[in-house]
Amino acid sequence: MKAAILPNLDKRGSKELVEKLGVFLKGCGIAPYLPDSIHCPSYANLPEAQLFKESDVIITIGGDGTIIRYAKLAAENEKPILGINAGRIGYLANVEQEEYQILKNLATGDYTVENRIMLEVEVKNNENSSIYYAINDAVITGGFISRIIDIKANVQGDSISYRADGLVIATPTGSTAYSMSAGGPIIDPKMNCICITPICSFALASKPIIVSADEDIVFKANSRKKIDIFLTVDGRRTANIKPDTEVIVRKAKRVVKLIRLNERSFYKTLSVKFFDQGGVIRERKPSGKNTQDNQ
């Protein structure tokens, strides 16, 4: 088995973990690789693009942003990905730094792969079209804080109108990110749905809406005060939205394959990461051989 290790060396403990992990994985019969921009004696090196093609698993060391960045490339190459948390919350990470020895289960097949839906976000301006992919969310907002914009969401041929600072269109995975901060619901990641959450809506009755992920949702936005409107995908600004721009959001054909090395459920993770401040996770022995969940 070949494992690509993709660390964010700015995160706490990442450099030390990279050094320990290379020796440990070799001892388990797993060949570790690093991008050719990072050098460590126990690793071989490959260009980053080649890592995703030749590796059997992708392992990130960092926060959720690191996982999201590399998970898109892993999904494009249909490779499973595992996150080791070196950030603050690290909600998407399945392993904490001090738990790294559980990676021996990769060699024996004692792990599961959980599929998470992604969003395909198409931006259409006249005859031009661009495609972006989101693991967490797509966000439409005005360019100035506290400036209301008008947004229409078309679902099944009917329109829903919003006057708000913006909208968050989130996957179940992204329901614990910006959408949650804006008042959206926390959604089990195995659900096949998309959540539309208004940001600081001008209408008191405007609430988040859960839509089937099998529906295409078309958004159009404008501002009466002619302020700039932007589309942000997974925290990165990607496009300017004009009055004639259509933003079409649908479930992507590709999925993110998250490796789970323990039996820590979504609800246990939710409890520890968000509700039990400083809670301790105690694991049961992993069971099953390389099974696929949430097909």
C-alpha atoms as a PDB file:
ATOM      1  CA  MET A   1       0.000   0.000   0.000  1.00  0.00           C
ATOM      2  CA  LYS A   2       1.192   3.525  -0.863  1.00  0.00           C
ATOM      3  CA  ALA A   3       0.151   6.439   1.351  1.00  0.00           C
ATOM      4  CA  ALA A   4       0.491  10.099   0.385  1.00  0.00           C
ATOM      5  CA  ILE A   5       1.148  12.309   3.428  1.00  0.00           C
ATOM      6  CA  LEU A   6       0.076  15.918   2.901  1.00  0.00           C
ATOM      7  CA  PRO A   7       0.868  18.058   5.951  1.00  0.00           C
ATOM      8  CA  ASN A   8       0.250  21.686   6.787  1.00  0.00           C
ATOM      9  CA  LEU A   9       3.586  22.349   8.454  1.00  0.00           C
ATOM     10  CA  ASP A  10       2.311  25.626   9.946  1.00  0.00           C
ATOM     11  CA  LYS A  11       0.037  23.668  12.288  1.00  0.00           C
ATOM     12  CA  ARG A  12       1.094  22.663  15.782  1.00  0.00           C
ATOM     13  CA  GLY A  13       3.035  19.429  15.983  1.00  0.00           C
ATOM     14  CA  SER A  14       2.788  18.699  12.256  1.00  0.00           C
ATOM     15  CA  LYS A  15       6.524  18.575  11.547  1.00  0.00           C
ATOM     16  CA  GLU A  16       7.198  16.219  14.464  1.00  0.00           C
ATOM     17  CA  LEU A  17       4.289  13.981  13.479  1.00  0.00           C
ATOM     18  CA  VAL A  18       5.508  13.747   9.878  1.00  0.00           C
ATOM     19  CA  GLU A  19       8.863  12.450  11.105  1.00  0.00           C
ATOM     20  CA  LYS A  20       7.299   9.865  13.458  1.00  0.00           C
ATOM     21  CA  LEU A  21       4.642   8.806  10.962  1.00  0.00           C
ATOM     22  CA  GLY A  22       7.082   7.940   8.172  1.00  0.00           C
ATOM     23  CA  VAL A  23       8.996   5.482  10.365  1.00  0.00           C
ATOM     24  CA  PHE A  24       5.786   4.046  11.823  1.00  0.00           C
ATOM     25  CA  LEU A  25       4.081   3.463   8.452  1.00  0.00           C
ATOM     26  CA  LYS A  26       7.154   1.746   7.040  1.00  0.00           C
ATOM     27  CA  GLY A  27       7.101  -0.594  10.023  1.00  0.00           C
ATOM     28  CA  CYS A  28       3.482  -1.467   9.158  1.00  0.00           C
ATOM     29  CA  GLY A  29       4.376  -2.309   5.558  1.00  0.00           C
ATOM     30  CA  ILE A  30       2.955   0.945   4.147  1.00  0.00           C
ATOM     31  CA  ALA A  31       5.130   2.994   1.769  1.00  0.00           C
ATOM     32  CA  PRO A  32       4.896   6.703   2.741  1.00  0.00           C
ATOM     33  CA  TYR A  33       5.272   9.503   0.195  1.00  0.00           C
ATOM     34  CA  LEU A  34       5.592  13.265   0.531  1.00  0.00           C
ATOM     35  CA  PRO A  35       5.237  16.017  -2.088  1.00  0.00           C
ATOM     36  CA  ASP A  36       8.597  16.833  -3.641  1.00  0.00           C
ATOM     37  CA  SER A  37       8.539  20.226  -1.877  1.00  0.00           C
ATOM     38  CA  ILE A  38       8.970  18.507   1.527  1.00  0.00           C
ATOM     39  CA  HIS A  39      11.902  16.263   2.397  1.00  0.00           C
ATOM     40  CA  CYS A  40      12.196  13.737   5.212  1.00  0.00           C
ATOM     41  CA  PRO A  41      14.568  10.708   5.335  1.00  0.00           C
ATOM     42  CA  SER A  42      11.868   8.055   5.821  1.00  0.00           C
ATOM     43  CA  TYR A  43       9.816   9.145   2.792  1.00  0.00           C
ATOM     44  CA  ALA A  44       9.980   8.911  -0.961  1.00  0.00           C
ATOM     45  CA  ASN A  45       8.964  12.002  -2.945  1.00  0.00           C
ATOM     46  CA  LEU A  46       6.630  12.579  -5.882  1.00  0.00           C
ATOM     47  CA  PRO A  47       5.100  15.681  -7.494  1.00  0.00           C
ATOM     48  CA  GLU A  48       1.801  16.476  -5.775  1.00  0.00           C
ATOM     49  CA  ALA A  49      -0.348  15.695  -8.837  1.00  0.00           C
ATOM     50  CA  GLN A  50       1.339  12.319  -9.209  1.00  0.00           C
ATOM     51  CA  LEU A  51       0.747  11.505  -5.539  1.00  0.00           C
ATOM     52  CA  PHE A  52      -3.007  11.488  -6.100  1.00  0.00           C
ATOM     53  CA  LYS A  53      -2.710   9.155  -9.061  1.00  0.00           C
ATOM     54  CA  GLU A  54      -0.275   6.610  -7.577  1.00  0.00           C
ATOM     55  CA  SER A  55      -1.218   6.486  -3.895  1.00  0.00           C
ATOM     56  CA  ASP A  56      -3.799   4.099  -2.467  1.00  0.00           C
ATOM     57  CA  VAL A  57      -4.771   6.426   0.383  1.00  0.00           C
ATOM     58  CA  ILE A  58      -4.369  10.141   1.078  1.00  0.00           C
ATOM     59  CA  ILE A  59      -3.506  11.256   4.620  1.00  0.00           C
ATOM     60  CA  THR A  60      -3.631  14.927   5.604  1.00  0.00           C
ATOM     61  CA  ILE A  61      -2.178  16.519   8.720  1.00  0.00           C
ATOM     62  CA  GLY A  62      -3.798  19.845   9.577  1.00  0.00           C
ATOM     63  CA  GLY A  63      -7.175  21.395  10.219  1.00  0.00           C
ATOM     64  CA  ASP A  64     -10.453  21.087   8.345  1.00  0.00           C
ATOM     65  CA  GLY A  65      -9.203  23.545   5.717  1.00  0.00           C
ATOM     66  CA  THR A  66      -6.327  21.199   4.887  1.00  0.00           C
ATOM     67  CA  ILE A  67      -8.692  18.247   4.568  1.00  0.00           C
ATOM     68  CA  ILE A  68     -11.123  20.188   2.361  1.00  0.00           C
ATOM     69  CA  ARG A  69      -8.334  21.374   0.052  1.00  0.00           C
ATOM     70  CA  TYR A  70      -6.941  17.886  -0.573  1.00  0.00           C
ATOM     71  CA  ALA A  71     -10.266  16.040  -0.382  1.00  0.00           C
ATOM     72  CA  LYS A  72     -11.360  17.690  -3.630  1.00  0.00           C
ATOM     73  CA  LEU A  73      -8.294  16.342  -5.416  1.00  0.00           C
ATOM     74  CA  ALA A  74      -8.789  12.954  -3.760  1.00  0.00           C
ATOM     75  CA  ALA A  75     -12.412  12.876  -4.972  1.00  0.00           C
ATOM     76  CA  GLU A  76     -11.320  13.809  -8.493  1.00  0.00           C
ATOM     77  CA  ASN A  77      -8.944  10.831  -8.456  1.00  0.00           C
ATOM     78  CA  GLU A  78     -11.416   8.549  -6.611  1.00  0.00           C
ATOM     79  CA  LYS A  79      -9.012   8.034  -3.690  1.00  0.00           C
ATOM     80  CA  PRO A  80     -10.029   7.711  -0.019  1.00  0.00           C
ATOM     81  CA  ILE A  81      -8.736  10.335   2.392  1.00  0.00           C
ATOM     82  CA  LEU A  82      -7.982  10.381   6.114  1.00  0.00           C
ATOM     83  CA  GLY A  83      -7.484  13.487   8.231  1.00  0.00           C
ATOM     84  CA  ILE A  84      -5.192  13.717  11.261  1.00  0.00           C
ATOM     85  CA  ASN A  85      -6.211  16.742  13.302  1.00  0.00           C
ATOM     86  CA  ALA A  86      -3.600  19.409  13.908  1.00  0.00           C
ATOM     87  CA  GLY A  87      -6.074  22.280  13.941  1.00  0.00           C
ATOM     88  CA  ARG A  88      -8.499  23.582  16.552  1.00  0.00           C
ATOM     89  CA  ILE A  89     -11.774  21.681  16.128  1.00  0.00           C
ATOM     90  CA  GLY A  90     -10.810  19.406  13.248  1.00  0.00           C
ATOM     91  CA  TYR A  91     -14.364  18.192  12.791  1.00  0.00           C
ATOM     92  CA  LEU A  92     -13.622  16.298   9.565  1.00  0.00           C
ATOM     93  CA  ALA A  93     -10.528  14.620  10.996  1.00  0.00           C
ATOM     94  CA  ASN A  94     -11.029  11.057  12.236  1.00  0.00           C
ATOM     95  CA  VAL A  95      -7.714  10.799  14.112  1.00  0.00           C
ATOM     96  CA  GLU A  96      -6.034  13.045  16.687  1.00  0.00           C
ATOM     97  CA  GLN A  97      -2.247  13.423  16.615  1.00  0.00           C
ATOM     98  CA  GLU A  98      -1.684  11.236  19.672  1.00  0.00           C
ATOM     99  CA  GLU A  99      -3.762   8.458  18.057  1.00  0.00           C
ATOM    100  CA  TYR A 100      -1.551   8.096  14.970  1.00  0.00           C
ATOM    101  CA  GLN A 101      -0.657   4.459  15.737  1.00  0.00           C
ATOM    102  CA  ILE A 102      -4.208   3.458  14.785  1.00  0.00           C
ATOM    103  CA  LEU A 103      -3.033   3.950  11.173  1.00  0.00           C
ATOM    104  CA  LYS A 104      -1.720   0.378  11.352  1.00  0.00           C
ATOM    105  CA  ASN A 105      -5.325  -0.612  10.549  1.00  0.00           C
ATOM    106  CA  LEU A 106      -4.829   0.678   7.013  1.00  0.00           C
ATOM    107  CA  ALA A 107      -2.458  -2.230   6.341  1.00  0.00           C
ATOM    108  CA  THR A 108      -4.886  -4.829   7.740  1.00  0.00           C
ATOM    109  CA  GLY A 109      -8.048  -3.420   6.162  1.00  0.00           C
ATOM    110  CA  ASP A 110      -9.704  -2.681   9.521  1.00  0.00           C
ATOM    111  CA  TYR A 111     -11.407   0.520   8.422  1.00  0.00           C
ATOM    112  CA  THR A 112     -14.541   1.811   6.759  1.00  0.00           C
ATOM    113  CA  VAL A 113     -14.999   4.325   3.960  1.00  0.00           C
ATOM    114  CA  GLU A 114     -17.811   6.840   4.356  1.00  0.00           C
ATOM    115  CA  ASN A 115     -19.026   8.607   1.221  1.00  0.00           C
ATOM    116  CA  ARG A 116     -19.937  12.301   1.549  1.00  0.00           C
ATOM    117  CA  ILE A 117     -21.827  14.186  -1.133  1.00  0.00           C
ATOM    118  CA  MET A 118     -20.307  17.228  -2.831  1.00  0.00           C
ATOM    119  CA  LEU A 119     -21.922  20.164  -4.599  1.00  0.00           C
ATOM    120  CA  GLU A 120     -21.342  21.031  -8.225  1.00  0.00           C
ATOM    121  CA  VAL A 121     -21.725  24.804  -8.563  1.00  0.00           C
ATOM    122  CA  GLU A 122     -22.206  26.126 -12.087  1.00  0.00           C
ATOM    123  CA  VAL A 123     -21.931  29.866 -12.770  1.00  0.00           C
ATOM    124  CA  LYS A 124     -23.556  30.949 -16.045  1.00  0.00           C
ATOM    125  CA  ASN A 125     -23.072  34.399 -17.571  1.00  0.00           C
ATOM    126  CA  ASN A 126     -24.714  34.638 -21.000  1.00  0.00           C
ATOM    127  CA  GLU A 127     -22.975  31.859 -22.966  1.00  0.00           C
ATOM    128  CA  ASN A 128     -20.057  31.428 -20.528  1.00  0.00           C
ATOM    129  CA  SER A 129     -20.106  28.764 -17.853  1.00  0.00           C
ATOM    130  CA  SER A 130     -17.720  27.801 -15.030  1.00  0.00           C
ATOM    131  CA  ILE A 131     -17.877  24.807 -12.681  1.00  0.00           C
ATOM    132  CA  TYR A 132     -16.709  24.664  -9.056  1.00  0.00           C
ATOM    133  CA  TYR A 133     -16.960  21.904  -6.449  1.00  0.00           C
ATOM    134  CA  ALA A 134     -17.828  22.278  -2.766  1.00  0.00           C
ATOM    135  CA  ILE A 135     -17.464  19.899   0.152  1.00  0.00           C
ATOM    136  CA  ASN A 136     -18.934  22.317   2.701  1.00  0.00           C
ATOM    137  CA  ASP A 137     -20.853  25.081   1.003  1.00  0.00           C
ATOM    138  CA  ALA A 138     -21.416  27.726  -1.617  1.00  0.00           C
ATOM    139  CA  VAL A 139     -22.169  31.210  -0.257  1.00  0.00           C
ATOM    140  CA  ILE A 140     -23.715  34.209  -2.023  1.00  0.00           C
ATOM    141  CA  THR A 141     -23.074  37.510  -0.216  1.00  0.00           C
ATOM    142  CA  GLY A 142     -22.784  41.228  -0.791  1.00  0.00           C
ATOM    143  CA  GLY A 143     -19.379  42.849  -0.903  1.00  0.00           C
ATOM    144  CA  PHE A 144     -20.103  45.053   2.114  1.00  0.00           C
ATOM    145  CA  ILE A 145     -21.039  44.004   5.625  1.00  0.00           C
ATOM    146  CA  SER A 146     -24.700  44.533   6.563  1.00  0.00           C
ATOM    147  CA  ARG A 147     -25.813  45.425   3.031  1.00  0.00           C
ATOM    148  CA  ILE A 148     -28.973  43.541   2.113  1.00  0.00           C
ATOM    149  CA  ILE A 149     -29.199  41.804  -1.254  1.00  0.00           C
ATOM    150  CA  ASP A 150     -32.161  40.179  -3.025  1.00  0.00           C
ATOM    151  CA  ILE A 151     -31.801  36.507  -3.912  1.00  0.00           C
ATOM    152  CA  LYS A 152     -34.222  34.183  -5.673  1.00  0.00           C
ATOM    153  CA  ALA A 153     -33.919  30.412  -5.394  1.00  0.00           C
ATOM    154  CA  ASN A 154     -35.775  28.407  -8.028  1.00  0.00           C
ATOM    155  CA  VAL A 155     -36.652  24.839  -6.971  1.00  0.00           C
ATOM    156  CA  GLN A 156     -38.851  22.584  -9.142  1.00  0.00           C
ATOM    157  CA  GLY A 157     -39.929  25.604 -11.169  1.00  0.00           C
ATOM    158  CA  ASP A 158     -41.073  27.660  -8.170  1.00  0.00           C
ATOM    159  CA  SER A 159     -39.221  30.630  -6.684  1.00  0.00           C
ATOM    160  CA  ILE A 160     -38.354  31.436  -3.092  1.00  0.00           C
ATOM    161  CA  SER A 161     -37.350  35.050  -2.468  1.00  0.00           C
ATOM    162  CA  TYR A 162     -34.893  36.223   0.175  1.00  0.00           C
ATOM    163  CA  ARG A 163     -33.831  39.663   1.389  1.00  0.00           C
ATOM    164  CA  ALA A 164     -30.747  39.021   3.469  1.00  0.00           C
ATOM    165  CA  ASP A 165     -27.036  39.594   3.819  1.00  0.00           C
ATOM    166  CA  GLY A 166     -26.633  36.413   1.806  1.00  0.00           C
ATOM    167  CA  LEU A 167     -27.354  32.688   1.526  1.00  0.00           C
ATOM    168  CA  VAL A 168     -25.400  29.596   2.508  1.00  0.00           C
ATOM    169  CA  ILE A 169     -26.054  26.517   0.353  1.00  0.00           C
ATOM    170  CA  ALA A 170     -24.559  23.630   2.317  1.00  0.00           C
ATOM    171  CA  THR A 171     -24.017  19.896   2.124  1.00  0.00           C
ATOM    172  CA  PRO A 172     -24.754  17.782   5.216  1.00  0.00           C
ATOM    173  CA  THR A 173     -20.991  17.839   5.851  1.00  0.00           C
ATOM    174  CA  GLY A 174     -21.036  21.639   5.652  1.00  0.00           C
ATOM    175  CA  SER A 175     -24.040  21.904   7.977  1.00  0.00           C
ATOM    176  CA  THR A 176     -21.620  22.148  10.928  1.00  0.00           C
ATOM    177  CA  ALA A 177     -19.699  25.037   9.361  1.00  0.00           C
ATOM    178  CA  TYR A 178     -20.949  28.470   8.175  1.00  0.00           C
ATOM    179  CA  SER A 179     -24.535  27.247   7.819  1.00  0.00           C
ATOM    180  CA  MET A 180     -24.672  26.320  11.509  1.00  0.00           C
ATOM    181  CA  SER A 181     -23.229  29.706  12.496  1.00  0.00           C
ATOM    182  CA  ALA A 182     -25.969  31.377  10.441  1.00  0.00           C
ATOM    183  CA  GLY A 183     -28.676  29.433  12.297  1.00  0.00           C
ATOM    184  CA  GLY A 184     -28.980  26.394  10.039  1.00  0.00           C
ATOM    185  CA  PRO A 185     -29.641  22.849  11.300  1.00  0.00           C
ATOM    186  CA  ILE A 186     -26.998  20.209  11.968  1.00  0.00           C
ATOM    187  CA  ILE A 187     -27.588  17.397   9.467  1.00  0.00           C
ATOM    188  CA  ASP A 188     -26.481  13.768   9.625  1.00  0.00           C
ATOM    189  CA  PRO A 189     -23.774  13.476   6.912  1.00  0.00           C
ATOM    190  CA  LYS A 190     -25.442  10.375   5.471  1.00  0.00           C
ATOM    191  CA  MET A 191     -28.496  12.409   4.423  1.00  0.00           C
ATOM    192  CA  ASN A 192     -29.014  13.052   0.709  1.00  0.00           C
ATOM    193  CA  CYS A 193     -29.970  16.722   0.914  1.00  0.00           C
ATOM    194  CA  ILE A 194     -28.906  20.338   0.510  1.00  0.00           C
ATOM    195  CA  CYS A 195     -29.581  23.045   3.094  1.00  0.00           C
ATOM    196  CA  ILE A 196     -30.360  26.658   2.157  1.00  0.00           C
ATOM    197  CA  THR A 197     -29.691  29.002   5.098  1.00  0.00           C
ATOM    198  CA  PRO A 198     -30.284  32.767   4.921  1.00  0.00           C
ATOM    199  CA  ILE A 199     -27.707  35.042   6.551  1.00  0.00           C
ATOM    200  CA  CYS A 200     -29.300  37.760   8.714  1.00  0.00           C
ATOM    201  CA  SER A 201     -32.579  37.686   6.816  1.00  0.00           C
ATOM    202  CA  PHE A 202     -34.678  40.858   6.709  1.00  0.00           C
ATOM    203  CA  ALA A 203     -37.845  38.716   7.053  1.00  0.00           C
ATOM    204  CA  LEU A 204     -38.497  37.218  10.505  1.00  0.00           C
ATOM    205  CA  ALA A 205     -40.271  34.223   8.946  1.00  0.00           C
ATOM    206  CA  SER A 206     -37.353  33.344   6.668  1.00  0.00           C
ATOM    207  CA  LYS A 207     -35.958  30.023   7.875  1.00  0.00           C
ATOM    208  CA  PRO A 208     -33.484  27.422   6.565  1.00  0.00           C
ATOM    209  CA  ILE A 209     -34.911  24.989   4.017  1.00  0.00           C
ATOM    210  CA  ILE A 210     -33.834  21.399   3.406  1.00  0.00           C
ATOM    211  CA  VAL A 211     -34.002  20.399  -0.271  1.00  0.00           C
ATOM    212  CA  SER A 212     -33.527  16.982  -1.851  1.00  0.00           C
ATOM    213  CA  ALA A 213     -30.012  16.667  -3.268  1.00  0.00           C
ATOM    214  CA  ASP A 214     -31.575  15.235  -6.424  1.00  0.00           C
ATOM    215  CA  GLU A 215     -32.928  18.691  -7.307  1.00  0.00           C
ATOM    216  CA  ASP A 216     -31.107  21.392  -9.278  1.00  0.00           C
ATOM    217  CA  ILE A 217     -31.424  24.758  -7.511  1.00  0.00           C
ATOM    218  CA  VAL A 218     -31.034  27.950  -9.542  1.00  0.00           C
ATOM    219  CA  PHE A 219     -30.061  31.180  -7.761  1.00  0.00           C
ATOM    220  CA  LYS A 220     -30.122  34.761  -9.033  1.00  0.00           C
ATOM    221  CA  ALA A 221     -29.063  37.765  -6.980  1.00  0.00           C
ATOM    222  CA  ASN A 222     -29.079  41.538  -7.269  1.00  0.00           C
ATOM    223  CA  SER A 223     -28.732  44.634  -5.110  1.00  0.00           C
ATOM    224  CA  ARG A 224     -30.958  47.695  -5.152  1.00  0.00           C
ATOM    225  CA  LYS A 225     -27.939  49.743  -4.034  1.00  0.00           C
ATOM    226  CA  LYS A 226     -25.747  48.283  -6.807  1.00  0.00           C
ATOM    227  CA  ILE A 227     -23.177  46.789  -4.448  1.00  0.00           C
ATOM    228  CA  ASP A 228     -20.915  43.946  -5.589  1.00  0.00           C
ATOM    229  CA  ILE A 229     -22.176  40.403  -5.011  1.00  0.00           C
ATOM    230  CA  PHE A 230     -19.828  37.445  -4.725  1.00  0.00           C
ATOM    231  CA  LEU A 231     -19.941  33.679  -4.820  1.00  0.00           C
ATOM    232  CA  THR A 232     -17.647  31.912  -2.358  1.00  0.00           C
ATOM    233  CA  VAL A 233     -17.064  28.148  -2.570  1.00  0.00           C
ATOM    234  CA  ASP A 234     -15.620  26.427   0.512  1.00  0.00           C
ATOM    235  CA  GLY A 235     -14.301  29.727   1.790  1.00  0.00           C
ATOM    236  CA  ARG A 236     -12.669  30.844  -1.462  1.00  0.00           C
ATOM    237  CA  ARG A 237     -14.099  33.703  -3.489  1.00  0.00           C
ATOM    238  CA  THR A 238     -14.688  32.352  -6.982  1.00  0.00           C
ATOM    239  CA  ALA A 239     -16.993  34.646  -8.993  1.00  0.00           C
ATOM    240  CA  ASN A 240     -18.725  38.014  -9.189  1.00  0.00           C
ATOM    241  CA  ILE A 241     -22.502  37.700  -9.451  1.00  0.00           C
ATOM    242  CA  LYS A 242     -24.291  40.083 -11.848  1.00  0.00           C
ATOM    243  CA  PRO A 243     -28.089  40.479 -12.175  1.00  0.00           C
ATOM    244  CA  ASP A 244     -28.110  38.188 -15.235  1.00  0.00           C
ATOM    245  CA  THR A 245     -25.853  35.550 -13.622  1.00  0.00           C
ATOM    246  CA  GLU A 246     -27.330  32.147 -12.796  1.00  0.00           C
ATOM    247  CA  VAL A 247     -25.773  30.051 -10.045  1.00  0.00           C
ATOM    248  CA  ILE A 248     -26.923  26.453 -10.446  1.00  0.00           C
ATOM    249  CA  VAL A 249     -26.262  24.130  -7.508  1.00  0.00           C
ATOM    250  CA  ARG A 250     -26.649  20.363  -7.779  1.00  0.00           C
ATOM    251  CA  LYS A 251     -25.235  17.215  -6.222  1.00  0.00           C
ATOM    252  CA  ALA A 252     -21.926  16.348  -7.864  1.00  0.00           C
ATOM    253  CA  LYS A 253     -21.335  12.954  -9.412  1.00  0.00           C
ATOM    254  CA  ARG A 254     -18.038  12.610  -7.530  1.00  0.00           C
ATOM    255  CA  VAL A 255     -17.994  11.955  -3.776  1.00  0.00           C
ATOM    256  CA  VAL A 256     -15.499  12.413  -0.970  1.00  0.00           C
ATOM    257  CA  LYS A 257     -14.416   9.073   0.497  1.00  0.00           C
ATOM    258  CA  LEU A 258     -13.542   9.640   4.158  1.00  0.00           C
ATOM    259  CA  ILE A 259     -11.614   6.857   5.884  1.00  0.00           C
ATOM    260  CA  ARG A 260     -12.862   5.974   9.374  1.00  0.00           C
ATOM    261  CA  LEU A 261     -10.400   4.041  11.495  1.00  0.00           C
ATOM    262  CA  ASN A 262     -12.577   3.819  14.592  1.00  0.00           C
ATOM    263  CA  GLU A 263     -16.219   3.455  15.575  1.00  0.00           C
ATOM    264  CA  ARG A 264     -16.586   7.083  16.620  1.00  0.00           C
ATOM    265  CA  SER A 265     -20.055   7.937  15.336  1.00  0.00           C
ATOM    266  CA  PHE A 266     -21.199  11.257  13.896  1.00  0.00           C
ATOM    267  CA  TYR A 267     -23.147  11.923  17.097  1.00  0.00           C
ATOM    268  CA  LYS A 268     -20.208  11.079  19.365  1.00  0.00           C
ATOM    269  CA  THR A 269     -17.957  13.385  17.345  1.00  0.00           C
ATOM    270  CA  LEU A 270     -20.623  16.093  17.459  1.00  0.00           C
ATOM    271  CA  SER A 271     -20.909  15.774  21.218  1.00  0.00           C
ATOM    272  CA  VAL A 272     -17.163  15.912  21.863  1.00  0.00           C
ATOM    273  CA  LYS A 273     -16.216  18.589  19.323  1.00  0.00           C
ATOM    274  CA  PHE A 274     -19.111  20.993  19.929  1.00  0.00           C
ATOM    275  CA  PHE A 275     -20.920  20.292  23.170  1.00  0.00           C
ATOM    276  CA  ASP A 276     -18.617  18.538  25.659  1.00  0.00           C
ATOM    277  CA  GLN A 277     -15.889  21.087  26.179  1.00  0.00           C
ATOM    278  CA  GLY A 278     -12.690  19.122  26.715  1.00  0.00           C
ATOM    279  CA  GLY A 279     -14.512  15.786  26.463  1.00  0.00           C
ATOM    280  CA  VAL A 280     -12.524  12.551  26.218  1.00  0.00           C
ATOM    281  CA  ILE A 281     -13.207  10.046  23.450  1.00  0.00           C
ATOM    282  CA  ARG A 282     -12.916   6.402  24.404  1.00  0.00           C
ATOM    283  CA  GLU A 283     -12.899   3.972  21.525  1.00  0.00           C
ATOM    284  CA  ARG A 284     -14.114   0.426  21.070  1.00  0.00           C
ATOM    285  CA  LYS A 285     -12.138  -1.977  18.929  1.00  0.00           C
ATOM    286  CA  PRO A 286     -12.698  -1.410  15.183  1.00  0.00           C
ATOM    287  CA  SER A 287     -14.711  -4.058  13.429  1.00  0.00           C
ATOM    288  CA  GLY A 288     -15.302  -4.978   9.802  1.00  0.00           C
ATOM    289  CA  LYS A 289     -12.951  -5.218   6.870  1.00  0.00           C
ATOM    290  CA  ASN A 290     -12.702  -2.284   4.507  1.00  0.00           C
ATOM    291  CA  THR A 291     -16.481  -1.862   4.153  1.00  0.00           C
ATOM    292  CA  GLN A 292     -18.236   0.875   2.209  1.00  0.00           C
ATOM    293  CA  ASP A 293     -20.821   3.021   4.022  1.00  0.00           C
ATOM    294  CA  ASN A 294     -23.360   5.458   2.577  1.00  0.00           C
ATOM    295  CA  GLN A 295     -23.229   4.263  -1.023  1.00  0.00           C
END
